[in-house]
Amino acid sequence: MLKKVIAAVLIVLASGTWGYLDYLNKQELKAAEEMRIAMNEARAQALARAKAAAEARAQFEAVIQTDLTTCKAAAEQAKADFVTKNQKPVRRKPGQFTIPPAVADEAARMLESANTACQTTYDARLASGS
């Protein structure tokens, strides 16, 4: 009889232990699932932020590239205006003009310095991000 009581107590104790361990396992699985969901959400948010940052960077680079192109076009126009203003008429050939070498050299230097300034501004804006 005592053996039966001890066996019953051990069975109850073992089933209680098994039930408690099962409960702990379910709690751990639930916590792991919640952590997985939170990590997926965080990853999705990080990807969205990275995508937005890349789009903003691309838009910024497009804007400063447009500014660079505009600056270089303005420099080219300034050169053309300078050359036009300093043309000399050709003798005995009405309507024809010549450009003195000194004017052409000065125009080339002006264009080169303006393009360098444009490129420097572009590089500085690209490096600073503003």
N, C-alpha and C. Protein backbone atom coordinates (compact mmCIF):
# COMPACT_ATOMS: atom_id res chain seq x y z
N MET A 1 0.81 -1.17 0.00
CA MET A 1 0.00 0.00 0.00
C MET A 1 0.86 1.25 0.00
N LEU A 2 1.90 1.26 0.83
CA LEU A 2 2.79 2.40 0.90
C LEU A 2 3.47 2.62 -0.44
N LYS A 3 3.80 1.54 -1.11
CA LYS A 3 4.43 1.64 -2.43
C LYS A 3 3.48 2.31 -3.41
N LYS A 4 2.19 1.99 -3.31
CA LYS A 4 1.21 2.58 -4.21
C LYS A 4 1.05 4.07 -3.94
N VAL A 5 1.07 4.44 -2.68
CA VAL A 5 0.93 5.85 -2.30
C VAL A 5 2.17 6.62 -2.80
N ILE A 6 3.33 6.07 -2.57
CA ILE A 6 4.57 6.72 -3.01
C ILE A 6 4.59 6.81 -4.54
N ALA A 7 4.15 5.77 -5.22
CA ALA A 7 4.09 5.79 -6.68
C ALA A 7 3.12 6.85 -7.16
N ALA A 8 1.95 6.96 -6.50
CA ALA A 8 0.97 7.97 -6.89
C ALA A 8 1.52 9.37 -6.65
N VAL A 9 2.20 9.57 -5.49
CA VAL A 9 2.79 10.87 -5.18
C VAL A 9 3.85 11.21 -6.22
N LEU A 10 4.69 10.27 -6.58
CA LEU A 10 5.73 10.49 -7.59
C LEU A 10 5.13 10.79 -8.95
N ILE A 11 4.03 10.11 -9.30
CA ILE A 11 3.37 10.37 -10.58
C ILE A 11 2.78 11.77 -10.59
N VAL A 12 2.13 12.15 -9.48
CA VAL A 12 1.55 13.50 -9.39
C VAL A 12 2.67 14.54 -9.43
N LEU A 13 3.74 14.29 -8.71
CA LEU A 13 4.86 15.21 -8.68
C LEU A 13 5.52 15.31 -10.05
N ALA A 14 5.70 14.21 -10.73
CA ALA A 14 6.30 14.22 -12.06
C ALA A 14 5.40 14.94 -13.06
N SER A 15 4.09 14.68 -12.98
CA SER A 15 3.18 15.35 -13.92
C SER A 15 3.11 16.84 -13.61
N GLY A 16 3.16 17.22 -12.35
CA GLY A 16 3.18 18.64 -11.97
C GLY A 16 4.45 19.31 -12.47
N THR A 17 5.58 18.65 -12.32
CA THR A 17 6.86 19.18 -12.81
C THR A 17 6.82 19.31 -14.32
N TRP A 18 6.29 18.26 -14.96
CA TRP A 18 6.20 18.32 -16.43
C TRP A 18 5.28 19.46 -16.86
N GLY A 19 4.16 19.64 -16.20
CA GLY A 19 3.23 20.73 -16.51
C GLY A 19 3.88 22.10 -16.31
N TYR A 20 4.65 22.25 -15.22
CA TYR A 20 5.32 23.51 -14.96
C TYR A 20 6.38 23.79 -16.01
N LEU A 21 7.15 22.78 -16.36
CA LEU A 21 8.18 22.94 -17.39
C LEU A 21 7.55 23.25 -18.75
N ASP A 22 6.41 22.63 -19.03
CA ASP A 22 5.69 22.92 -20.27
C ASP A 22 5.22 24.37 -20.27
N TYR A 23 4.72 24.85 -19.14
CA TYR A 23 4.29 26.24 -19.01
C TYR A 23 5.47 27.19 -19.25
N LEU A 24 6.61 26.89 -18.63
CA LEU A 24 7.81 27.73 -18.83
C LEU A 24 8.27 27.71 -20.28
N ASN A 25 8.19 26.57 -20.92
CA ASN A 25 8.59 26.46 -22.32
C ASN A 25 7.67 27.29 -23.21
N LYS A 26 6.38 27.25 -22.94
CA LYS A 26 5.43 28.06 -23.72
C LYS A 26 5.69 29.54 -23.52
N GLN A 27 6.01 29.94 -22.29
CA GLN A 27 6.32 31.34 -22.03
C GLN A 27 7.58 31.78 -22.80
N GLU A 28 8.58 30.92 -22.81
CA GLU A 28 9.82 31.21 -23.53
C GLU A 28 9.58 31.29 -25.04
N LEU A 29 8.76 30.39 -25.57
CA LEU A 29 8.43 30.45 -27.00
C LEU A 29 7.66 31.71 -27.33
N LYS A 30 6.76 32.11 -26.46
CA LYS A 30 5.99 33.33 -26.67
C LYS A 30 6.91 34.55 -26.67
N ALA A 31 7.84 34.60 -25.72
CA ALA A 31 8.79 35.71 -25.65
C ALA A 31 9.69 35.73 -26.89
N ALA A 32 10.12 34.57 -27.35
CA ALA A 32 10.96 34.49 -28.54
C ALA A 32 10.20 34.96 -29.78
N GLU A 33 8.93 34.60 -29.88
CA GLU A 33 8.10 35.03 -31.02
C GLU A 33 7.91 36.55 -31.00
N GLU A 34 7.66 37.11 -29.82
CA GLU A 34 7.52 38.56 -29.71
C GLU A 34 8.82 39.26 -30.08
N MET A 35 9.94 38.70 -29.68
CA MET A 35 11.25 39.27 -30.03
C MET A 35 11.48 39.21 -31.54
N ARG A 36 11.09 38.11 -32.16
CA ARG A 36 11.25 37.97 -33.61
C ARG A 36 10.41 39.01 -34.34
N ILE A 37 9.19 39.20 -33.89
CA ILE A 37 8.30 40.20 -34.51
C ILE A 37 8.88 41.60 -34.34
N ALA A 38 9.38 41.90 -33.14
CA ALA A 38 9.97 43.21 -32.89
C ALA A 38 11.21 43.43 -33.76
N MET A 39 12.01 42.40 -33.93
CA MET A 39 13.21 42.51 -34.77
C MET A 39 12.82 42.73 -36.23
N ASN A 40 11.80 42.05 -36.70
CA ASN A 40 11.34 42.25 -38.08
C ASN A 40 10.83 43.67 -38.29
N GLU A 41 10.09 44.19 -37.31
CA GLU A 41 9.60 45.57 -37.41
C GLU A 41 10.76 46.56 -37.41
N ALA A 42 11.73 46.34 -36.53
CA ALA A 42 12.89 47.23 -36.47
C ALA A 42 13.69 47.17 -37.77
N ARG A 43 13.83 45.98 -38.33
CA ARG A 43 14.55 45.84 -39.60
C ARG A 43 13.81 46.56 -40.72
N ALA A 44 12.49 46.43 -40.75
CA ALA A 44 11.70 47.11 -41.78
C ALA A 44 11.83 48.63 -41.63
N GLN A 45 11.80 49.12 -40.41
CA GLN A 45 11.96 50.55 -40.19
C GLN A 45 13.35 51.03 -40.60
N ALA A 46 14.37 50.25 -40.29
CA ALA A 46 15.73 50.62 -40.67
C ALA A 46 15.88 50.64 -42.18
N LEU A 47 15.28 49.67 -42.86
CA LEU A 47 15.34 49.65 -44.32
C LEU A 47 14.61 50.85 -44.91
N ALA A 48 13.48 51.21 -44.33
CA ALA A 48 12.73 52.38 -44.80
C ALA A 48 13.53 53.66 -44.59
N ARG A 49 14.19 53.78 -43.43
CA ARG A 49 15.03 54.95 -43.18
C ARG A 49 16.21 55.00 -44.15
N ALA A 50 16.83 53.86 -44.41
CA ALA A 50 17.96 53.81 -45.34
C ALA A 50 17.51 54.18 -46.75
N LYS A 51 16.35 53.69 -47.14
CA LYS A 51 15.82 54.01 -48.47
C LYS A 51 15.52 55.50 -48.57
N ALA A 52 14.91 56.06 -47.54
CA ALA A 52 14.60 57.50 -47.55
C ALA A 52 15.88 58.33 -47.59
N ALA A 53 16.90 57.89 -46.84
CA ALA A 53 18.17 58.62 -46.85
C ALA A 53 18.83 58.53 -48.22
N ALA A 54 18.77 57.37 -48.85
CA ALA A 54 19.35 57.22 -50.19
C ALA A 54 18.62 58.09 -51.21
N GLU A 55 17.29 58.13 -51.10
CA GLU A 55 16.52 58.98 -52.02
C GLU A 55 16.83 60.46 -51.80
N ALA A 56 16.94 60.85 -50.54
CA ALA A 56 17.28 62.25 -50.23
C ALA A 56 18.67 62.58 -50.76
N ARG A 57 19.61 61.66 -50.60
CA ARG A 57 20.98 61.89 -51.09
C ARG A 57 20.98 62.00 -52.61
N ALA A 58 20.24 61.13 -53.28
CA ALA A 58 20.17 61.18 -54.74
C ALA A 58 19.54 62.48 -55.21
N GLN A 59 18.49 62.91 -54.52
CA GLN A 59 17.84 64.17 -54.88
C GLN A 59 18.79 65.35 -54.65
N PHE A 60 19.51 65.32 -53.53
CA PHE A 60 20.48 66.38 -53.24
C PHE A 60 21.57 66.42 -54.31
N GLU A 61 22.09 65.25 -54.68
CA GLU A 61 23.13 65.20 -55.71
C GLU A 61 22.60 65.69 -57.04
N ALA A 62 21.35 65.38 -57.36
CA ALA A 62 20.77 65.88 -58.61
C ALA A 62 20.66 67.39 -58.59
N VAL A 63 20.28 67.95 -57.44
CA VAL A 63 20.15 69.40 -57.34
C VAL A 63 21.51 70.08 -57.49
N ILE A 64 22.52 69.56 -56.80
CA ILE A 64 23.82 70.23 -56.91
C ILE A 64 24.46 69.97 -58.27
N GLN A 65 24.13 68.84 -58.91
CA GLN A 65 24.62 68.61 -60.27
C GLN A 65 23.99 69.60 -61.23
N THR A 66 22.71 69.88 -61.04
CA THR A 66 22.02 70.88 -61.85
C THR A 66 22.64 72.26 -61.63
N ASP A 67 22.94 72.57 -60.36
CA ASP A 67 23.59 73.84 -60.06
C ASP A 67 24.96 73.94 -60.73
N LEU A 68 25.71 72.83 -60.73
CA LEU A 68 27.02 72.82 -61.39
C LEU A 68 26.87 73.05 -62.88
N THR A 69 25.92 72.38 -63.49
CA THR A 69 25.69 72.55 -64.93
C THR A 69 25.29 73.98 -65.25
N THR A 70 24.42 74.55 -64.42
CA THR A 70 23.99 75.93 -64.62
C THR A 70 25.16 76.89 -64.46
N CYS A 71 25.99 76.65 -63.47
CA CYS A 71 27.16 77.50 -63.23
C CYS A 71 28.12 77.44 -64.42
N LYS A 72 28.36 76.24 -64.93
CA LYS A 72 29.27 76.09 -66.07
C LYS A 72 28.67 76.73 -67.32
N ALA A 73 27.36 76.62 -67.49
CA ALA A 73 26.70 77.26 -68.63
C ALA A 73 26.81 78.78 -68.52
N ALA A 74 26.67 79.31 -67.31
CA ALA A 74 26.81 80.75 -67.10
C ALA A 74 28.24 81.19 -67.40
N ALA A 75 29.22 80.38 -67.02
CA ALA A 75 30.61 80.70 -67.31
C ALA A 75 30.86 80.70 -68.82
N GLU A 76 30.29 79.73 -69.49
CA GLU A 76 30.43 79.65 -70.95
C GLU A 76 29.78 80.87 -71.61
N GLN A 77 28.62 81.27 -71.10
CA GLN A 77 27.93 82.44 -71.64
C GLN A 77 28.74 83.71 -71.37
N ALA A 78 29.36 83.81 -70.21
CA ALA A 78 30.19 84.97 -69.89
C ALA A 78 31.39 85.03 -70.83
N LYS A 79 31.95 83.87 -71.15
CA LYS A 79 33.07 83.84 -72.10
C LYS A 79 32.61 84.31 -73.47
N ALA A 80 31.46 83.78 -73.89
CA ALA A 80 30.95 84.16 -75.21
C ALA A 80 30.64 85.67 -75.25
N ASP A 81 30.08 86.21 -74.19
CA ASP A 81 29.80 87.65 -74.14
C ASP A 81 31.09 88.45 -74.17
N PHE A 82 32.10 88.00 -73.43
CA PHE A 82 33.38 88.69 -73.41
C PHE A 82 34.01 88.70 -74.79
N VAL A 83 33.98 87.57 -75.47
CA VAL A 83 34.56 87.47 -76.81
C VAL A 83 33.77 88.35 -77.78
N THR A 84 32.45 88.34 -77.66
CA THR A 84 31.61 89.15 -78.54
C THR A 84 31.90 90.64 -78.36
N LYS A 85 32.04 91.07 -77.12
CA LYS A 85 32.30 92.48 -76.85
C LYS A 85 33.69 92.93 -77.32
N ASN A 86 34.62 92.02 -77.39
CA ASN A 86 35.99 92.37 -77.73
C ASN A 86 36.39 91.95 -79.14
N GLN A 87 35.42 91.73 -80.00
CA GLN A 87 35.73 91.39 -81.39
C GLN A 87 36.23 92.64 -82.11
N LYS A 88 37.10 92.43 -83.06
CA LYS A 88 37.60 93.53 -83.87
C LYS A 88 37.13 93.29 -85.30
N PRO A 89 36.61 94.35 -85.96
CA PRO A 89 36.18 94.16 -87.34
C PRO A 89 37.38 93.94 -88.26
N VAL A 90 37.17 93.10 -89.27
CA VAL A 90 38.22 92.81 -90.27
C VAL A 90 38.18 93.93 -91.31
N ARG A 91 39.35 94.46 -91.62
CA ARG A 91 39.42 95.53 -92.61
C ARG A 91 38.98 95.03 -93.98
N ARG A 92 38.24 95.87 -94.64
CA ARG A 92 37.76 95.67 -96.01
C ARG A 92 36.86 94.45 -96.15
N LYS A 93 36.36 93.94 -95.05
CA LYS A 93 35.40 92.82 -95.12
C LYS A 93 34.27 93.15 -94.16
N PRO A 94 33.29 93.88 -94.60
CA PRO A 94 32.20 94.27 -93.72
C PRO A 94 31.44 93.04 -93.19
N GLY A 95 31.08 93.11 -91.92
CA GLY A 95 30.31 92.03 -91.30
C GLY A 95 31.16 90.89 -90.78
N GLN A 96 32.47 90.95 -90.99
CA GLN A 96 33.35 89.90 -90.48
C GLN A 96 34.18 90.47 -89.33
N PHE A 97 34.41 89.61 -88.36
CA PHE A 97 35.14 90.03 -87.17
C PHE A 97 36.24 89.03 -86.87
N THR A 98 37.24 89.51 -86.17
CA THR A 98 38.32 88.64 -85.73
C THR A 98 38.47 88.80 -84.22
N ILE A 99 39.02 87.79 -83.62
CA ILE A 99 39.23 87.81 -82.18
C ILE A 99 40.74 87.84 -81.96
N PRO A 100 41.24 88.90 -81.33
CA PRO A 100 42.68 88.97 -81.07
C PRO A 100 43.11 87.82 -80.14
N PRO A 101 44.33 87.33 -80.32
CA PRO A 101 44.81 86.21 -79.48
C PRO A 101 44.79 86.55 -77.99
N ALA A 102 45.07 87.80 -77.64
CA ALA A 102 45.05 88.16 -76.22
C ALA A 102 43.64 88.03 -75.65
N VAL A 103 42.64 88.41 -76.44
CA VAL A 103 41.24 88.29 -75.98
C VAL A 103 40.86 86.82 -75.85
N ALA A 104 41.28 86.00 -76.82
CA ALA A 104 40.98 84.57 -76.77
C ALA A 104 41.64 83.93 -75.55
N ASP A 105 42.89 84.33 -75.28
CA ASP A 105 43.58 83.77 -74.10
C ASP A 105 42.89 84.20 -72.81
N GLU A 106 42.53 85.49 -72.73
CA GLU A 106 41.84 85.99 -71.55
C GLU A 106 40.50 85.28 -71.36
N ALA A 107 39.77 85.07 -72.45
CA ALA A 107 38.48 84.37 -72.38
C ALA A 107 38.68 82.93 -71.90
N ALA A 108 39.72 82.28 -72.38
CA ALA A 108 40.00 80.91 -71.96
C ALA A 108 40.34 80.86 -70.47
N ARG A 109 41.14 81.84 -70.00
CA ARG A 109 41.49 81.89 -68.57
C ARG A 109 40.25 82.16 -67.73
N MET A 110 39.39 83.07 -68.20
CA MET A 110 38.15 83.37 -67.48
C MET A 110 37.28 82.11 -67.35
N LEU A 111 37.15 81.40 -68.47
CA LEU A 111 36.32 80.19 -68.48
C LEU A 111 36.91 79.14 -67.55
N GLU A 112 38.23 78.96 -67.61
CA GLU A 112 38.87 77.96 -66.78
C GLU A 112 38.72 78.30 -65.29
N SER A 113 38.92 79.57 -64.93
CA SER A 113 38.79 79.95 -63.52
C SER A 113 37.33 79.84 -63.05
N ALA A 114 36.38 80.20 -63.92
CA ALA A 114 34.97 80.08 -63.55
C ALA A 114 34.57 78.61 -63.39
N ASN A 115 35.04 77.76 -64.29
CA ASN A 115 34.72 76.33 -64.17
C ASN A 115 35.37 75.73 -62.92
N THR A 116 36.57 76.18 -62.60
CA THR A 116 37.24 75.70 -61.39
C THR A 116 36.45 76.13 -60.15
N ALA A 117 35.98 77.38 -60.16
CA ALA A 117 35.17 77.87 -59.03
C ALA A 117 33.87 77.07 -58.92
N CYS A 118 33.25 76.79 -60.05
CA CYS A 118 32.01 76.00 -60.04
C CYS A 118 32.27 74.61 -59.47
N GLN A 119 33.36 73.98 -59.93
CA GLN A 119 33.68 72.63 -59.47
C GLN A 119 34.04 72.63 -57.98
N THR A 120 34.75 73.64 -57.53
CA THR A 120 35.10 73.74 -56.11
C THR A 120 33.85 73.88 -55.26
N THR A 121 32.92 74.72 -55.71
CA THR A 121 31.66 74.89 -54.98
C THR A 121 30.89 73.57 -54.95
N TYR A 122 30.84 72.88 -56.07
CA TYR A 122 30.15 71.59 -56.15
C TYR A 122 30.77 70.59 -55.18
N ASP A 123 32.11 70.49 -55.21
CA ASP A 123 32.79 69.54 -54.34
C ASP A 123 32.57 69.87 -52.86
N ALA A 124 32.60 71.18 -52.54
CA ALA A 124 32.39 71.58 -51.14
C ALA A 124 30.97 71.25 -50.70
N ARG A 125 29.99 71.52 -51.54
CA ARG A 125 28.59 71.21 -51.20
C ARG A 125 28.38 69.71 -51.08
N LEU A 126 29.02 68.94 -51.96
CA LEU A 126 28.88 67.48 -51.91
C LEU A 126 29.51 66.94 -50.63
N ALA A 127 30.66 67.48 -50.27
CA ALA A 127 31.35 67.00 -49.06
C ALA A 127 30.59 67.39 -47.80
N SER A 128 30.03 68.62 -47.78
CA SER A 128 29.34 69.06 -46.56
C SER A 128 27.90 68.55 -46.50
N GLY A 129 27.32 68.23 -47.64
CA GLY A 129 25.95 67.72 -47.65
C GLY A 129 24.90 68.82 -47.54
N SER A 130 25.29 70.05 -47.88
CA SER A 130 24.29 71.13 -47.83
C SER A 130 24.31 71.96 -49.06
